[in-house]
C-alpha atoms as a PDB file:
ATOM      1  CA  UNK A   1     -53.505  12.260  13.981  1.00  0.00           C
ATOM      2  CA  UNK A   2     -56.330  14.814  14.137  1.00  0.00           C
ATOM      3  CA  UNK A   3     -56.324  15.161  10.329  1.00  0.00           C
ATOM      4  CA  UNK A   4     -56.682  11.398   9.882  1.00  0.00           C
ATOM      5  CA  UNK A   5     -59.840  11.334  12.000  1.00  0.00           C
ATOM      6  CA  UNK A   6     -61.424  13.927   9.719  1.00  0.00           C
ATOM      7  CA  UNK A   7     -60.418  11.910   6.663  1.00  0.00           C
ATOM      8  CA  UNK A   8     -61.991   8.715   8.019  1.00  0.00           C
ATOM      9  CA  UNK A   9     -65.191  10.588   8.815  1.00  0.00           C
ATOM     10  CA  UNK A  10     -65.262  11.953   5.267  1.00  0.00           C
ATOM     11  CA  UNK A  11     -64.863   8.475   3.805  1.00  0.00           C
ATOM     12  CA  UNK A  12     -67.754   7.145   5.893  1.00  0.00           C
ATOM     13  CA  UNK A  13     -69.994   9.966   4.684  1.00  0.00           C
ATOM     14  CA  UNK A  14     -68.998   9.289   1.089  1.00  0.00           C
ATOM     15  CA  UNK A  15     -69.733   5.574   1.451  1.00  0.00           C
ATOM     16  CA  UNK A  16     -73.185   6.344   2.877  1.00  0.00           C
ATOM     17  CA  UNK A  17     -73.869   8.727   0.001  1.00  0.00           C
ATOM     18  CA  UNK A  18     -72.988   6.062  -2.561  1.00  0.00           C
ATOM     19  CA  UNK A  19     -75.211   3.512  -0.835  1.00  0.00           C
ATOM     20  CA  UNK A  20     -78.163   5.922  -0.788  1.00  0.00           C
ATOM     21  CA  UNK A  21     -77.590   6.794  -4.454  1.00  0.00           C
ATOM     22  CA  UNK A  22     -77.433   3.119  -5.456  1.00  0.00           C
ATOM     23  CA  UNK A  23     -80.614   2.377  -3.529  1.00  0.00           C
ATOM     24  CA  UNK A  24     -82.529   5.201  -5.213  1.00  0.00           C
ATOM     25  CA  UNK A  25     -81.411   4.148  -8.686  1.00  0.00           C
ATOM     26  CA  UNK A  26     -82.939   0.692  -8.190  1.00  0.00           C
ATOM     27  CA  UNK A  27     -86.359   2.287  -7.626  1.00  0.00           C
ATOM     28  CA  UNK A  28     -86.456   4.539 -10.698  1.00  0.00           C
ATOM     29  CA  UNK A  29     -86.521   4.317 -14.467  1.00  0.00           C
ATOM     30  CA  UNK A  30     -85.246   6.833 -16.986  1.00  0.00           C
ATOM     31  CA  UNK A  31     -86.732   7.482 -20.427  1.00  0.00           C
ATOM     32  CA  UNK A  32     -84.859   9.539 -23.044  1.00  0.00           C
ATOM     33  CA  UNK A  33     -85.446  11.223 -26.383  1.00  0.00           C
ATOM     34  CA  UNK A  34     -83.011  13.007 -28.641  1.00  0.00           C
ATOM     35  CA  UNK A  35     -84.004  16.617 -28.944  1.00  0.00           C
ATOM     36  CA  UNK A  36     -83.334  20.041 -30.332  1.00  0.00           C
ATOM     37  CA  UNK A  37     -84.286  23.553 -29.280  1.00  0.00           C
ATOM     38  CA  UNK A  38     -86.125  26.235 -31.211  1.00  0.00           C
ATOM     39  CA  UNK A  39     -86.621  29.916 -30.439  1.00  0.00           C
ATOM     40  CA  UNK A  40     -90.250  30.952 -30.874  1.00  0.00           C
ATOM     41  CA  UNK A  41     -92.448  33.897 -30.017  1.00  0.00           C
ATOM     42  CA  UNK A  42     -95.203  33.314 -27.444  1.00  0.00           C
ATOM     43  CA  UNK A  43     -98.722  34.723 -28.012  1.00  0.00           C
ATOM     44  CA  UNK A  44     -97.806  37.651 -25.728  1.00  0.00           C
ATOM     45  CA  UNK A  45     -94.878  38.513 -28.042  1.00  0.00           C
ATOM     46  CA  UNK A  46     -92.109  37.361 -25.702  1.00  0.00           C
ATOM     47  CA  UNK A  47     -89.421  34.983 -26.975  1.00  0.00           C
ATOM     48  CA  UNK A  48     -89.495  31.441 -25.605  1.00  0.00           C
ATOM     49  CA  UNK A  49     -87.425  28.304 -26.162  1.00  0.00           C
ATOM     50  CA  UNK A  50     -89.264  25.115 -27.126  1.00  0.00           C
ATOM     51  CA  UNK A  51     -87.812  21.606 -26.864  1.00  0.00           C
ATOM     52  CA  UNK A  52     -88.378  19.567 -30.014  1.00  0.00           C
ATOM     53  CA  UNK A  53     -88.283  15.855 -29.200  1.00  0.00           C
ATOM     54  CA  UNK A  54     -87.371  13.689 -32.187  1.00  0.00           C
ATOM     55  CA  UNK A  55     -89.057  10.570 -30.774  1.00  0.00           C
ATOM     56  CA  UNK A  56     -92.076  10.124 -28.511  1.00  0.00           C
ATOM     57  CA  UNK A  57     -90.140   7.772 -26.223  1.00  0.00           C
ATOM     58  CA  UNK A  58     -90.871   9.538 -22.928  1.00  0.00           C
ATOM     59  CA  UNK A  59     -94.264   8.198 -21.897  1.00  0.00           C
ATOM     60  CA  UNK A  60     -95.066  11.015 -19.445  1.00  0.00           C
ATOM     61  CA  UNK A  61     -94.446  13.649 -22.148  1.00  0.00           C
ATOM     62  CA  UNK A  62     -96.398  12.093 -25.048  1.00  0.00           C
ATOM     63  CA  UNK A  63     -98.273  14.865 -26.802  1.00  0.00           C
ATOM     64  CA  UNK A  64     -96.884  17.522 -24.441  1.00  0.00           C
ATOM     65  CA  UNK A  65     -94.909  20.641 -25.295  1.00  0.00           C
ATOM     66  CA  UNK A  66     -91.856  21.379 -23.162  1.00  0.00           C
ATOM     67  CA  UNK A  67     -90.410  24.861 -23.209  1.00  0.00           C
ATOM     68  CA  UNK A  68     -88.712  27.621 -21.278  1.00  0.00           C
ATOM     69  CA  UNK A  69     -89.871  31.147 -20.508  1.00  0.00           C
ATOM     70  CA  UNK A  70     -86.964  33.565 -20.738  1.00  0.00           C
ATOM     71  CA  UNK A  71     -86.080  36.514 -18.550  1.00  0.00           C
ATOM     72  CA  UNK A  72     -87.849  39.757 -19.338  1.00  0.00           C
ATOM     73  CA  UNK A  73     -85.864  41.881 -21.753  1.00  0.00           C
ATOM     74  CA  UNK A  74     -84.469  38.870 -23.649  1.00  0.00           C
ATOM     75  CA  UNK A  75     -84.502  39.631 -27.362  1.00  0.00           C
ATOM     76  CA  UNK A  76     -85.475  37.208 -30.124  1.00  0.00           C
ATOM     77  CA  UNK A  77     -81.861  37.330 -31.307  1.00  0.00           C
ATOM     78  CA  UNK A  78     -80.614  36.354 -27.824  1.00  0.00           C
ATOM     79  CA  UNK A  79     -83.134  33.492 -27.736  1.00  0.00           C
ATOM     80  CA  UNK A  80     -81.816  32.261 -31.102  1.00  0.00           C
ATOM     81  CA  UNK A  81     -78.216  32.396 -29.826  1.00  0.00           C
ATOM     82  CA  UNK A  82     -79.283  30.442 -26.742  1.00  0.00           C
ATOM     83  CA  UNK A  83     -80.892  27.728 -28.879  1.00  0.00           C
ATOM     84  CA  UNK A  84     -77.760  27.515 -31.044  1.00  0.00           C
ATOM     85  CA  UNK A  85     -75.664  26.912 -27.932  1.00  0.00           C
ATOM     86  CA  UNK A  86     -78.106  24.316 -26.602  1.00  0.00           C
ATOM     87  CA  UNK A  87     -78.283  22.537 -29.971  1.00  0.00           C
ATOM     88  CA  UNK A  88     -74.467  22.379 -30.067  1.00  0.00           C
ATOM     89  CA  UNK A  89     -74.157  20.865 -26.573  1.00  0.00           C
ATOM     90  CA  UNK A  90     -77.330  18.974 -25.561  1.00  0.00           C
ATOM     91  CA  UNK A  91     -77.888  15.457 -26.925  1.00  0.00           C
ATOM     92  CA  UNK A  92     -81.133  14.409 -25.322  1.00  0.00           C
ATOM     93  CA  UNK A  93     -83.811  15.128 -22.781  1.00  0.00           C
ATOM     94  CA  UNK A  94     -84.547  12.607 -20.051  1.00  0.00           C
ATOM     95  CA  UNK A  95     -87.133  12.063 -17.381  1.00  0.00           C
ATOM     96  CA  UNK A  96     -86.445   9.864 -14.346  1.00  0.00           C
ATOM     97  CA  UNK A  97     -89.536   8.538 -12.599  1.00  0.00           C
ATOM     98  CA  UNK A  98     -90.285   6.218  -9.711  1.00  0.00           C
ATOM     99  CA  UNK A  99     -90.918   2.652 -10.789  1.00  0.00           C
ATOM    100  CA  UNK A 100     -94.563   1.642 -10.688  1.00  0.00           C
ATOM    101  CA  UNK A 101     -95.528  -1.826  -9.635  1.00  0.00           C
END
């Protein structure tokens, strides 16, 4: 009997979570672009990873460069391996924004 009460409580929490999630989705929009990743060297000589978007379909990112700084001590070779892994597994980049009226 005690275990059932916990289960019912869990279901109520899950239902509330779904309702909140559904509500938030109605107020946002998501824009996507297929992408790839490229290892580069920053002006300070440190390796970085840059996102190459294949379309300019994300309005907030038009003309922008998106990239990642890597942990100190990361070699160029490690950055290249990281981009190979990302290019094998990531299909696109997306940005979810609040809807504007």
